[in-house]
Every structure is written in C-alpha cells, then in structure tokens.
PDB file of all heavy atoms in Angstrom:
ATOM      1  N   ILE A   1     122.591 109.863  69.315  1.00  0.00           N
ATOM      2  CA  ILE A   1     122.341 111.211  69.811  1.00  0.00           C
ATOM      3  C   ILE A   1     123.650 111.962  70.023  1.00  0.00           C
ATOM      4  O   ILE A   1     123.800 113.127  69.612  1.00  0.00           O
ATOM      5  CB  ILE A   1     121.536 111.159  71.126  1.00  0.00           C
ATOM      6  CG1 ILE A   1     120.125 110.633  70.870  1.00  0.00           C
ATOM      7  CG2 ILE A   1     121.496 112.526  71.798  1.00  0.00           C
ATOM      8  CD1 ILE A   1     119.256 111.538  70.020  1.00  0.00           C
ATOM      9  N   ALA A   2     124.618 111.324  70.664  1.00  0.00           N
ATOM     10  CA  ALA A   2     125.879 111.997  70.993  1.00  0.00           C
ATOM     11  C   ALA A   2     126.641 112.415  69.737  1.00  0.00           C
ATOM     12  O   ALA A   2     127.083 113.567  69.623  1.00  0.00           O
ATOM     13  CB  ALA A   2     126.747 111.096  71.867  1.00  0.00           C
ATOM     14  N   VAL A   3     126.798 111.502  68.792  1.00  0.00           N
ATOM     15  CA  VAL A   3     127.543 111.826  67.567  1.00  0.00           C
ATOM     16  C   VAL A   3     126.802 112.877  66.764  1.00  0.00           C
ATOM     17  O   VAL A   3     127.411 113.808  66.204  1.00  0.00           O
ATOM     18  CB  VAL A   3     127.791 110.556  66.729  1.00  0.00           C
ATOM     19  CG1 VAL A   3     128.421 110.919  65.384  1.00  0.00           C
ATOM     20  CG2 VAL A   3     128.687 109.589  67.486  1.00  0.00           C
ATOM     21  N   SER A   4     125.473 112.773  66.701  1.00  0.00           N
ATOM     22  CA  SER A   4     124.681 113.774  65.978  1.00  0.00           C
ATOM     23  C   SER A   4     124.884 115.168  66.556  1.00  0.00           C
ATOM     24  O   SER A   4     124.885 116.164  65.828  1.00  0.00           O
ATOM     25  CB  SER A   4     123.198 113.399  66.036  1.00  0.00           C
ATOM     26  OG  SER A   4     122.399 114.397  65.441  1.00  0.00           O
ATOM     27  N   ASP A   5     125.084 115.253  67.868  1.00  0.00           N
ATOM     28  CA  ASP A   5     125.291 116.543  68.521  1.00  0.00           C
ATOM     29  C   ASP A   5     126.750 116.991  68.523  1.00  0.00           C
ATOM     30  O   ASP A   5     127.094 117.966  69.201  1.00  0.00           O
ATOM     31  CB  ASP A   5     124.763 116.493  69.956  1.00  0.00           C
ATOM     32  CG  ASP A   5     123.257 116.731  70.028  1.00  0.00           C
ATOM     33  OD1 ASP A   5     122.651 116.975  68.965  1.00  0.00           O
ATOM     34  OD2 ASP A   5     122.689 116.675  71.130  1.00  0.00           O
ATOM     35  N   GLY A   6     127.601 116.272  67.794  1.00  0.00           N
ATOM     36  CA  GLY A   6     128.966 116.739  67.599  1.00  0.00           C
ATOM     37  C   GLY A   6     130.028 116.101  68.459  1.00  0.00           C
ATOM     38  O   GLY A   6     131.203 116.478  68.385  1.00  0.00           O
ATOM     39  N   VAL A   7     129.660 115.119  69.284  1.00  0.00           N
ATOM     40  CA  VAL A   7     130.667 114.433  70.094  1.00  0.00           C
ATOM     41  C   VAL A   7     131.418 113.446  69.211  1.00  0.00           C
ATOM     42  O   VAL A   7     130.810 112.714  68.434  1.00  0.00           O
ATOM     43  CB  VAL A   7     130.011 113.689  71.275  1.00  0.00           C
ATOM     44  CG1 VAL A   7     131.075 113.058  72.172  1.00  0.00           C
ATOM     45  CG2 VAL A   7     129.138 114.638  72.081  1.00  0.00           C
ATOM     46  N   GLN A   8     132.729 113.421  69.354  1.00  0.00           N
ATOM     47  CA  GLN A   8     133.549 112.493  68.590  1.00  0.00           C
ATOM     48  C   GLN A   8     134.303 111.584  69.552  1.00  0.00           C
ATOM     49  O   GLN A   8     134.767 112.034  70.608  1.00  0.00           O
ATOM     50  CB  GLN A   8     134.547 113.244  67.711  1.00  0.00           C
ATOM     51  CG  GLN A   8     133.899 114.130  66.667  1.00  0.00           C
ATOM     52  CD  GLN A   8     134.920 114.832  65.799  1.00  0.00           C
ATOM     53  OE1 GLN A   8     136.063 114.407  65.698  1.00  0.00           O
ATOM     54  NE2 GLN A   8     134.497 115.913  65.146  1.00  0.00           N
ATOM     55  N   PRO A   9     134.439 110.298  69.203  1.00  0.00           N
ATOM     56  CA  PRO A   9     135.203 109.394  70.068  1.00  0.00           C
ATOM     57  C   PRO A   9     136.631 109.909  70.244  1.00  0.00           C
ATOM     58  O   PRO A   9     137.276 110.320  69.270  1.00  0.00           O
ATOM     59  CB  PRO A   9     135.183 108.074  69.293  1.00  0.00           C
ATOM     60  CG  PRO A   9     134.019 108.183  68.362  1.00  0.00           C
ATOM     61  CD  PRO A   9     133.907 109.626  68.006  1.00  0.00           C
ATOM     62  N   SER A  10     137.107 109.913  71.490  1.00  0.00           N
ATOM     63  CA  SER A  10     138.454 110.412  71.766  1.00  0.00           C
ATOM     64  C   SER A  10     138.928 109.813  73.084  1.00  0.00           C
ATOM     65  O   SER A  10     138.268 108.948  73.671  1.00  0.00           O
ATOM     66  CB  SER A  10     138.457 111.941  71.845  1.00  0.00           C
ATOM     67  OG  SER A  10     137.819 112.385  73.033  1.00  0.00           O
ATOM     68  N   GLU A  11     140.059 110.298  73.554  1.00  0.00           N
ATOM     69  CA  GLU A  11     140.606 109.837  74.825  1.00  0.00           C
ATOM     70  C   GLU A  11     140.236 110.764  75.972  1.00  0.00           C
ATOM     71  O   GLU A  11     140.710 110.565  77.101  1.00  0.00           O
ATOM     72  CB  GLU A  11     142.140 109.742  74.720  1.00  0.00           C
ATOM     73  CG  GLU A  11     142.650 108.759  73.681  1.00  0.00           C
ATOM     74  CD  GLU A  11     142.331 107.317  74.040  1.00  0.00           C
ATOM     75  OE1 GLU A  11     142.282 107.010  75.250  1.00  0.00           O
ATOM     76  OE2 GLU A  11     142.133 106.499  73.122  1.00  0.00           O
ATOM     77  N   PHE A  12     139.411 111.766  75.702  1.00  0.00           N
ATOM     78  CA  PHE A  12     139.173 112.783  76.724  1.00  0.00           C
ATOM     79  C   PHE A  12     137.682 113.043  76.936  1.00  0.00           C
ATOM     80  O   PHE A  12     136.889 113.052  76.002  1.00  0.00           O
ATOM     81  CB  PHE A  12     139.860 114.100  76.326  1.00  0.00           C
ATOM     82  CG  PHE A  12     141.325 113.960  76.040  1.00  0.00           C
ATOM     83  CD1 PHE A  12     141.778 113.875  74.728  1.00  0.00           C
ATOM     84  CD2 PHE A  12     142.240 113.878  77.076  1.00  0.00           C
ATOM     85  CE1 PHE A  12     143.127 113.730  74.458  1.00  0.00           C
ATOM     86  CE2 PHE A  12     143.594 113.733  76.807  1.00  0.00           C
ATOM     87  CZ  PHE A  12     144.047 113.662  75.493  1.00  0.00           C
ATOM     88  N   ASP A  13     137.314 113.250  78.193  1.00  0.00           N
ATOM     89  CA  ASP A  13     136.017 113.762  78.608  1.00  0.00           C
ATOM     90  C   ASP A  13     134.846 113.042  77.931  1.00  0.00           C
ATOM     91  O   ASP A  13     134.777 111.826  77.931  1.00  0.00           O
ATOM     92  CB  ASP A  13     135.967 115.275  78.363  1.00  0.00           C
ATOM     93  CG  ASP A  13     137.034 116.023  79.146  1.00  0.00           C
ATOM     94  OD1 ASP A  13     137.402 115.543  80.239  1.00  0.00           O
ATOM     95  OD2 ASP A  13     137.517 117.066  78.664  1.00  0.00           O
ATOM     96  N   ALA A  14     133.929 113.819  77.324  1.00  0.00           N
ATOM     97  CA  ALA A  14     132.742 113.224  76.720  1.00  0.00           C
ATOM     98  C   ALA A  14     133.117 112.267  75.590  1.00  0.00           C
ATOM     99  O   ALA A  14     132.482 111.226  75.406  1.00  0.00           O
ATOM    100  CB  ALA A  14     131.818 114.317  76.191  1.00  0.00           C
ATOM    101  N   GLY A  15     134.142 112.615  74.835  1.00  0.00           N
ATOM    102  CA  GLY A  15     134.586 111.752  73.744  1.00  0.00           C
ATOM    103  C   GLY A  15     135.064 110.408  74.243  1.00  0.00           C
ATOM    104  O   GLY A  15     134.865 109.374  73.579  1.00  0.00           O
ATOM    105  N   ASN A  16     135.675 110.391  75.420  1.00  0.00           N
ATOM    106  CA  ASN A  16     136.141 109.135  75.994  1.00  0.00           C
ATOM    107  C   ASN A  16     134.970 108.274  76.447  1.00  0.00           C
ATOM    108  O   ASN A  16     134.978 107.048  76.267  1.00  0.00           O
ATOM    109  CB  ASN A  16     137.070 109.417  77.169  1.00  0.00           C
ATOM    110  CG  ASN A  16     137.719 108.152  77.713  1.00  0.00           C
ATOM    111  OD1 ASN A  16     138.180 107.304  76.957  1.00  0.00           O
ATOM    112  ND2 ASN A  16     137.732 108.013  79.021  1.00  0.00           N
ATOM    113  N   CYS A  17     133.944 108.907  77.020  1.00  0.00           N
ATOM    114  CA  CYS A  17     132.732 108.165  77.394  1.00  0.00           C
ATOM    115  C   CYS A  17     132.091 107.539  76.161  1.00  0.00           C
ATOM    116  O   CYS A  17     131.684 106.374  76.179  1.00  0.00           O
ATOM    117  CB  CYS A  17     131.738 109.096  78.078  1.00  0.00           C
ATOM    118  SG  CYS A  17     132.219 109.641  79.732  1.00  0.00           S
ATOM    119  N   LEU A  18     131.998 108.314  75.092  1.00  0.00           N
ATOM    120  CA  LEU A  18     131.418 107.807  73.850  1.00  0.00           C
ATOM    121  C   LEU A  18     132.240 106.651  73.302  1.00  0.00           C
ATOM    122  O   LEU A  18     131.694 105.630  72.854  1.00  0.00           O
ATOM    123  CB  LEU A  18     131.321 108.932  72.818  1.00  0.00           C
ATOM    124  CG  LEU A  18     130.836 108.525  71.424  1.00  0.00           C
ATOM    125  CD1 LEU A  18     129.434 107.942  71.483  1.00  0.00           C
ATOM    126  CD2 LEU A  18     130.880 109.734  70.480  1.00  0.00           C
ATOM    127  N   ARG A  19     133.562 106.799  73.329  1.00  0.00           N
ATOM    128  CA  ARG A  19     134.442 105.736  72.818  1.00  0.00           C
ATOM    129  C   ARG A  19     134.205 104.431  73.572  1.00  0.00           C
ATOM    130  O   ARG A  19     134.118 103.346  72.970  1.00  0.00           O
ATOM    131  CB  ARG A  19     135.900 106.178  72.965  1.00  0.00           C
ATOM    132  CG  ARG A  19     136.922 105.154  72.467  1.00  0.00           C
ATOM    133  CD  ARG A  19     138.340 105.637  72.718  1.00  0.00           C
ATOM    134  NE  ARG A  19     138.602 105.788  74.143  1.00  0.00           N
ATOM    135  CZ  ARG A  19     138.958 104.788  74.954  1.00  0.00           C
ATOM    136  NH1 ARG A  19     139.066 103.545  74.470  1.00  0.00           N
ATOM    137  NH2 ARG A  19     139.189 105.005  76.220  1.00  0.00           N
ATOM    138  N   ARG A  20     134.060 104.510  74.884  1.00  0.00           N
ATOM    139  CA  ARG A  20     133.847 103.304  75.682  1.00  0.00           C
ATOM    140  C   ARG A  20     132.476 102.690  75.420  1.00  0.00           C
ATOM    141  O   ARG A  20     132.312 101.461  75.423  1.00  0.00           O
ATOM    142  CB  ARG A  20     134.031 103.636  77.167  1.00  0.00           C
ATOM    143  CG  ARG A  20     135.478 103.912  77.539  1.00  0.00           C
ATOM    144  CD  ARG A  20     135.685 104.034  79.045  1.00  0.00           C
ATOM    145  NE  ARG A  20     135.132 105.273  79.588  1.00  0.00           N
ATOM    146  CZ  ARG A  20     134.099 105.322  80.392  1.00  0.00           C
ATOM    147  NH1 ARG A  20     133.445 104.217  80.740  1.00  0.00           N
ATOM    148  NH2 ARG A  20     133.674 106.485  80.856  1.00  0.00           N
ATOM    149  N   ILE A  21     131.476 103.539  75.204  1.00  0.00           N
ATOM    150  CA  ILE A  21     130.134 103.036  74.880  1.00  0.00           C
ATOM    151  C   ILE A  21     130.155 102.303  73.544  1.00  0.00           C
ATOM    152  O   ILE A  21     129.566 101.216  73.390  1.00  0.00           O
ATOM    153  CB  ILE A  21     129.119 104.191  74.840  1.00  0.00           C
ATOM    154  CG1 ILE A  21     128.853 104.734  76.251  1.00  0.00           C
ATOM    155  CG2 ILE A  21     127.814 103.763  74.182  1.00  0.00           C
ATOM    156  CD1 ILE A  21     128.035 103.832  77.130  1.00  0.00           C
ATOM    157  N   ILE A  22     130.823 102.894  72.549  1.00  0.00           N
ATOM    158  CA  ILE A  22     130.926 102.249  71.232  1.00  0.00           C
ATOM    159  C   ILE A  22     131.623 100.897  71.357  1.00  0.00           C
ATOM    160  O   ILE A  22     131.173  99.881  70.797  1.00  0.00           O
ATOM    161  CB  ILE A  22     131.679 103.154  70.250  1.00  0.00           C
ATOM    162  CG1 ILE A  22     130.865 104.421  69.951  1.00  0.00           C
ATOM    163  CG2 ILE A  22     132.000 102.405  68.955  1.00  0.00           C
ATOM    164  CD1 ILE A  22     131.606 105.443  69.103  1.00  0.00           C
ATOM    165  N   LYS A  23     132.731 100.883  72.103  1.00  0.00           N
ATOM    166  CA  LYS A  23     133.495  99.648  72.273  1.00  0.00           C
ATOM    167  C   LYS A  23     132.643  98.561  72.923  1.00  0.00           C
ATOM    168  O   LYS A  23     132.644  97.399  72.491  1.00  0.00           O
ATOM    169  CB  LYS A  23     134.728  99.926  73.123  1.00  0.00           C
ATOM    170  CG  LYS A  23     135.632  98.715  73.322  1.00  0.00           C
ATOM    171  CD  LYS A  23     136.874  99.092  74.131  1.00  0.00           C
ATOM    172  CE  LYS A  23     137.776  97.875  74.356  1.00  0.00           C
ATOM    173  NZ  LYS A  23     138.984  98.228  75.148  1.00  0.00           N
ATOM    174  N   LYS A  24     131.870  98.955  73.946  1.00  0.00           N
ATOM    175  CA  LYS A  24     131.034  97.974  74.628  1.00  0.00           C
ATOM    176  C   LYS A  24     129.908  97.483  73.729  1.00  0.00           C
ATOM    177  O   LYS A  24     129.584  96.287  73.716  1.00  0.00           O
ATOM    178  CB  LYS A  24     130.451  98.580  75.908  1.00  0.00           C
ATOM    179  CG  LYS A  24     129.666  97.575  76.747  1.00  0.00           C
ATOM    180  CD  LYS A  24     129.219  98.182  78.060  1.00  0.00           C
ATOM    181  CE  LYS A  24     128.438  97.184  78.891  1.00  0.00           C
ATOM    182  NZ  LYS A  24     127.992  97.770  80.186  1.00  0.00           N
ATOM    183  N   ALA A  25     129.301  98.398  72.960  1.00  0.00           N
ATOM    184  CA  ALA A  25     128.215  98.009  72.063  1.00  0.00           C
ATOM    185  C   ALA A  25     128.700  96.996  71.032  1.00  0.00           C
ATOM    186  O   ALA A  25     128.024  96.000  70.759  1.00  0.00           O
ATOM    187  CB  ALA A  25     127.638  99.246  71.374  1.00  0.00           C
ATOM    188  N   VAL A  26     129.858  97.253  70.452  1.00  0.00           N
ATOM    189  CA  VAL A  26     130.410  96.343  69.444  1.00  0.00           C
ATOM    190  C   VAL A  26     130.739  94.990  70.072  1.00  0.00           C
ATOM    191  O   VAL A  26     130.475  93.928  69.484  1.00  0.00           O
ATOM    192  CB  VAL A  26     131.666  96.967  68.797  1.00  0.00           C
ATOM    193  CG1 VAL A  26     132.366  95.947  67.902  1.00  0.00           C
ATOM    194  CG2 VAL A  26     131.289  98.208  67.997  1.00  0.00           C
ATOM    195  N   MET A  27     131.291  95.018  71.277  1.00  0.00           N
ATOM    196  CA  MET A  27     131.642  93.772  71.962  1.00  0.00           C
ATOM    197  C   MET A  27     130.398  92.937  72.263  1.00  0.00           C
ATOM    198  O   MET A  27     130.377  91.712  72.039  1.00  0.00           O
ATOM    199  CB  MET A  27     132.377  94.087  73.260  1.00  0.00           C
ATOM    200  CG  MET A  27     132.800  92.853  74.060  1.00  0.00           C
ATOM    201  SD  MET A  27     133.600  93.280  75.626  1.00  0.00           S
ATOM    202  CE  MET A  27     132.190  93.982  76.521  1.00  0.00           C
ATOM    203  N   VAL A  28     129.352  93.597  72.755  1.00  0.00           N
ATOM    204  CA  VAL A  28     128.100  92.891  73.062  1.00  0.00           C
ATOM    205  C   VAL A  28     127.494  92.312  71.789  1.00  0.00           C
ATOM    206  O   VAL A  28     127.025  91.168  71.771  1.00  0.00           O
ATOM    207  CB  VAL A  28     127.104  93.840  73.762  1.00  0.00           C
ATOM    208  CG1 VAL A  28     125.704  93.232  73.790  1.00  0.00           C
ATOM    209  CG2 VAL A  28     127.564  94.157  75.177  1.00  0.00           C
ATOM    210  N   ALA A  29     127.496  93.105  70.721  1.00  0.00           N
ATOM    211  CA  ALA A  29     126.936  92.640  69.450  1.00  0.00           C
ATOM    212  C   ALA A  29     127.696  91.428  68.919  1.00  0.00           C
ATOM    213  O   ALA A  29     127.092  90.436  68.491  1.00  0.00           O
ATOM    214  CB  ALA A  29     126.952  93.769  68.429  1.00  0.00           C
ATOM    215  N   ASP A  30     129.024  91.496  68.960  1.00  0.00           N
ATOM    216  CA  ASP A  30     129.847  90.427  68.391  1.00  0.00           C
ATOM    217  C   ASP A  30     129.854  89.168  69.258  1.00  0.00           C
ATOM    218  O   ASP A  30     129.644  88.055  68.755  1.00  0.00           O
ATOM    219  CB  ASP A  30     131.287  90.923  68.205  1.00  0.00           C
ATOM    220  CG  ASP A  30     131.412  91.978  67.118  1.00  0.00           C
ATOM    221  OD1 ASP A  30     130.437  92.166  66.366  1.00  0.00           O
ATOM    222  OD2 ASP A  30     132.469  92.625  67.037  1.00  0.00           O
ATOM    223  N   ASN A  31     130.080  89.353  70.555  1.00  0.00           N
ATOM    224  CA  ASN A  31     130.327  88.203  71.424  1.00  0.00           C
ATOM    225  C   ASN A  31     129.056  87.557  71.975  1.00  0.00           C
ATOM    226  O   ASN A  31     128.985  86.327  72.068  1.00  0.00           O
ATOM    227  CB  ASN A  31     131.222  88.617  72.600  1.00  0.00           C
ATOM    228  CG  ASN A  31     132.597  89.078  72.140  1.00  0.00           C
ATOM    229  OD1 ASN A  31     133.020  88.781  71.020  1.00  0.00           O
ATOM    230  ND2 ASN A  31     133.297  89.810  72.992  1.00  0.00           N
ATOM    231  N   GLN A  32     128.081  88.370  72.332  1.00  0.00           N
ATOM    232  CA  GLN A  32     126.894  87.810  72.974  1.00  0.00           C
ATOM    233  C   GLN A  32     125.715  87.613  72.021  1.00  0.00           C
ATOM    234  O   GLN A  32     124.943  86.675  72.177  1.00  0.00           O
ATOM    235  CB  GLN A  32     126.466  88.701  74.145  1.00  0.00           C
ATOM    236  CG  GLN A  32     127.477  88.717  75.294  1.00  0.00           C
ATOM    237  CD  GLN A  32     127.033  89.621  76.422  1.00  0.00           C
ATOM    238  OE1 GLN A  32     127.418  90.779  76.486  1.00  0.00           O
ATOM    239  NE2 GLN A  32     126.212  89.087  77.307  1.00  0.00           N
ATOM    240  N   LEU A  33     125.603  88.503  71.039  1.00  0.00           N
ATOM    241  CA  LEU A  33     124.468  88.410  70.127  1.00  0.00           C
ATOM    242  C   LEU A  33     124.825  87.790  68.775  1.00  0.00           C
ATOM    243  O   LEU A  33     123.954  87.654  67.915  1.00  0.00           O
ATOM    244  CB  LEU A  33     123.863  89.809  69.924  1.00  0.00           C
ATOM    245  CG  LEU A  33     123.279  90.428  71.203  1.00  0.00           C
ATOM    246  CD1 LEU A  33     122.861  91.879  70.956  1.00  0.00           C
ATOM    247  CD2 LEU A  33     122.082  89.615  71.694  1.00  0.00           C
ATOM    248  N   LYS A  34     126.090  87.453  68.605  1.00  0.00           N
ATOM    249  CA  LYS A  34     126.544  86.773  67.372  1.00  0.00           C
ATOM    250  C   LYS A  34     126.101  87.550  66.131  1.00  0.00           C
ATOM    251  O   LYS A  34     125.566  86.982  65.163  1.00  0.00           O
ATOM    252  CB  LYS A  34     126.014  85.346  67.322  1.00  0.00           C
ATOM    253  CG  LYS A  34     126.260  84.538  68.587  1.00  0.00           C
ATOM    254  CD  LYS A  34     127.739  84.453  68.953  1.00  0.00           C
ATOM    255  CE  LYS A  34     127.946  83.662  70.241  1.00  0.00           C
ATOM    256  NZ  LYS A  34     129.376  83.690  70.670  1.00  0.00           N
ATOM    257  N   ALA A  35     126.317  88.852  66.179  1.00  0.00           N
ATOM    258  CA  ALA A  35     125.869  89.730  65.101  1.00  0.00           C
ATOM    259  C   ALA A  35     126.789  89.661  63.896  1.00  0.00           C
ATOM    260  O   ALA A  35     127.978  89.352  64.026  1.00  0.00           O
ATOM    261  CB  ALA A  35     125.808  91.174  65.612  1.00  0.00           C
ATOM    262  N   PRO A  36     126.269  89.967  62.720  1.00  0.00           N
ATOM    263  CA  PRO A  36     127.119  90.036  61.532  1.00  0.00           C
ATOM    264  C   PRO A  36     128.076  91.224  61.639  1.00  0.00           C
ATOM    265  O   PRO A  36     127.870  92.123  62.458  1.00  0.00           O
ATOM    266  CB  PRO A  36     126.119  90.223  60.390  1.00  0.00           C
ATOM    267  CG  PRO A  36     124.908  90.794  61.042  1.00  0.00           C
ATOM    268  CD  PRO A  36     124.854  90.217  62.417  1.00  0.00           C
ATOM    269  N   PRO A  37     129.108  91.285  60.809  1.00  0.00           N
ATOM    270  CA  PRO A  37     130.074  92.386  60.869  1.00  0.00           C
ATOM    271  C   PRO A  37     129.403  93.750  60.712  1.00  0.00           C
ATOM    272  O   PRO A  37     128.445  93.899  59.940  1.00  0.00           O
ATOM    273  CB  PRO A  37     131.010  92.087  59.696  1.00  0.00           C
ATOM    274  CG  PRO A  37     130.903  90.614  59.478  1.00  0.00           C
ATOM    275  CD  PRO A  37     129.475  90.270  59.807  1.00  0.00           C
ATOM    276  N   SER A  38     129.904  94.726  61.470  1.00  0.00           N
ATOM    277  CA  SER A  38     129.423  96.121  61.407  1.00  0.00           C
ATOM    278  C   SER A  38     127.930  96.227  61.691  1.00  0.00           C
ATOM    279  O   SER A  38     127.260  97.129  61.177  1.00  0.00           O
ATOM    280  CB  SER A  38     129.743  96.731  60.034  1.00  0.00           C
ATOM    281  OG  SER A  38     131.128  96.685  59.770  1.00  0.00           O
ATOM    282  N   PHE A  39     127.414  95.311  62.512  1.00  0.00           N
ATOM    283  CA  PHE A  39     125.967  95.294  62.759  1.00  0.00           C
ATOM    284  C   PHE A  39     125.470  96.542  63.479  1.00  0.00           C
ATOM    285  O   PHE A  39     124.341  96.985  63.254  1.00  0.00           O
ATOM    286  CB  PHE A  39     125.583  94.056  63.570  1.00  0.00           C
ATOM    287  CG  PHE A  39     124.144  94.033  63.982  1.00  0.00           C
ATOM    288  CD1 PHE A  39     123.142  93.814  63.040  1.00  0.00           C
ATOM    289  CD2 PHE A  39     123.767  94.269  65.295  1.00  0.00           C
ATOM    290  CE1 PHE A  39     121.803  93.807  63.408  1.00  0.00           C
ATOM    291  CE2 PHE A  39     122.438  94.263  65.672  1.00  0.00           C
ATOM    292  CZ  PHE A  39     121.461  94.026  64.720  1.00  0.00           C
ATOM    293  N   VAL A  40     126.284  97.119  64.364  1.00  0.00           N
ATOM    294  CA  VAL A  40     125.833  98.266  65.153  1.00  0.00           C
ATOM    295  C   VAL A  40     125.309  99.378  64.256  1.00  0.00           C
ATOM    296  O   VAL A  40     124.302 100.030  64.549  1.00  0.00           O
ATOM    297  CB  VAL A  40     126.959  98.779  66.066  1.00  0.00           C
ATOM    298  CG1 VAL A  40     126.528 100.062  66.774  1.00  0.00           C
ATOM    299  CG2 VAL A  40     127.326  97.718  67.102  1.00  0.00           C
ATOM    300  N   SER A  41     125.984  99.602  63.115  1.00  0.00           N
ATOM    301  CA  SER A  41     125.547 100.666  62.204  1.00  0.00           C
ATOM    302  C   SER A  41     124.165 100.389  61.624  1.00  0.00           C
ATOM    303  O   SER A  41     123.443 101.315  61.239  1.00  0.00           O
ATOM    304  CB  SER A  41     126.558 100.835  61.064  1.00  0.00           C
ATOM    305  OG  SER A  41     126.582  99.681  60.236  1.00  0.00           O
ATOM    306  N   THR A  42     123.766  99.111  61.600  1.00  0.00           N
ATOM    307  CA  THR A  42     122.451  98.748  61.078  1.00  0.00           C
ATOM    308  C   THR A  42     121.329  99.330  61.923  1.00  0.00           C
ATOM    309  O   THR A  42     120.230  99.609  61.419  1.00  0.00           O
ATOM    310  CB  THR A  42     122.311  97.212  61.030  1.00  0.00           C
ATOM    311  OG1 THR A  42     123.395  96.658  60.282  1.00  0.00           O
ATOM    312  CG2 THR A  42     120.997  96.794  60.392  1.00  0.00           C
ATOM    313  N   LEU A  43     121.590  99.528  63.209  1.00  0.00           N
ATOM    314  CA  LEU A  43     120.555 100.010  64.120  1.00  0.00           C
ATOM    315  C   LEU A  43     120.321 101.513  64.020  1.00  0.00           C
ATOM    316  O   LEU A  43     119.255 102.005  64.410  1.00  0.00           O
ATOM    317  CB  LEU A  43     120.931  99.656  65.564  1.00  0.00           C
ATOM    318  CG  LEU A  43     120.980  98.169  65.917  1.00  0.00           C
ATOM    319  CD1 LEU A  43     121.472  97.986  67.342  1.00  0.00           C
ATOM    320  CD2 LEU A  43     119.613  97.527  65.737  1.00  0.00           C
ATOM    321  N   ILE A  44     121.305 102.252  63.507  1.00  0.00           N
ATOM    322  CA  ILE A  44     121.227 103.719  63.510  1.00  0.00           C
ATOM    323  C   ILE A  44     119.976 104.238  62.803  1.00  0.00           C
ATOM    324  O   ILE A  44     119.250 105.082  63.349  1.00  0.00           O
ATOM    325  CB  ILE A  44     122.488 104.338  62.897  1.00  0.00           C
ATOM    326  CG1 ILE A  44     123.751 103.826  63.624  1.00  0.00           C
ATOM    327  CG2 ILE A  44     122.409 105.861  62.954  1.00  0.00           C
ATOM    328  CD1 ILE A  44     123.766 104.048  65.111  1.00  0.00           C
TER     329      ILE A  44
END
C-alpha cells in the first residue's frame, strides 16, 4: 500500500518507517521462516 501510494524507502519520515518495515519483513522471512531468496516480493 505504501509504495503504491508513492512512499519510497529513505532515511526520513514516512520513508524511514517504510525502510524499517521492509528490513524487518526480510529478516523475518529469511531467519524465522527460512524463505527462499527475494521471497517477500512473492507475496505482493
């Protein structure tokens, strides 16, 4: 939803929140769910 509405990962404000969410999603997918590479994009 955020990226579709024009938010881009960055170091500031909404972009920083998005960046941290992406980082956490990838970490959870890789470390806890043993997902294949680039799995997060599969869910989109």
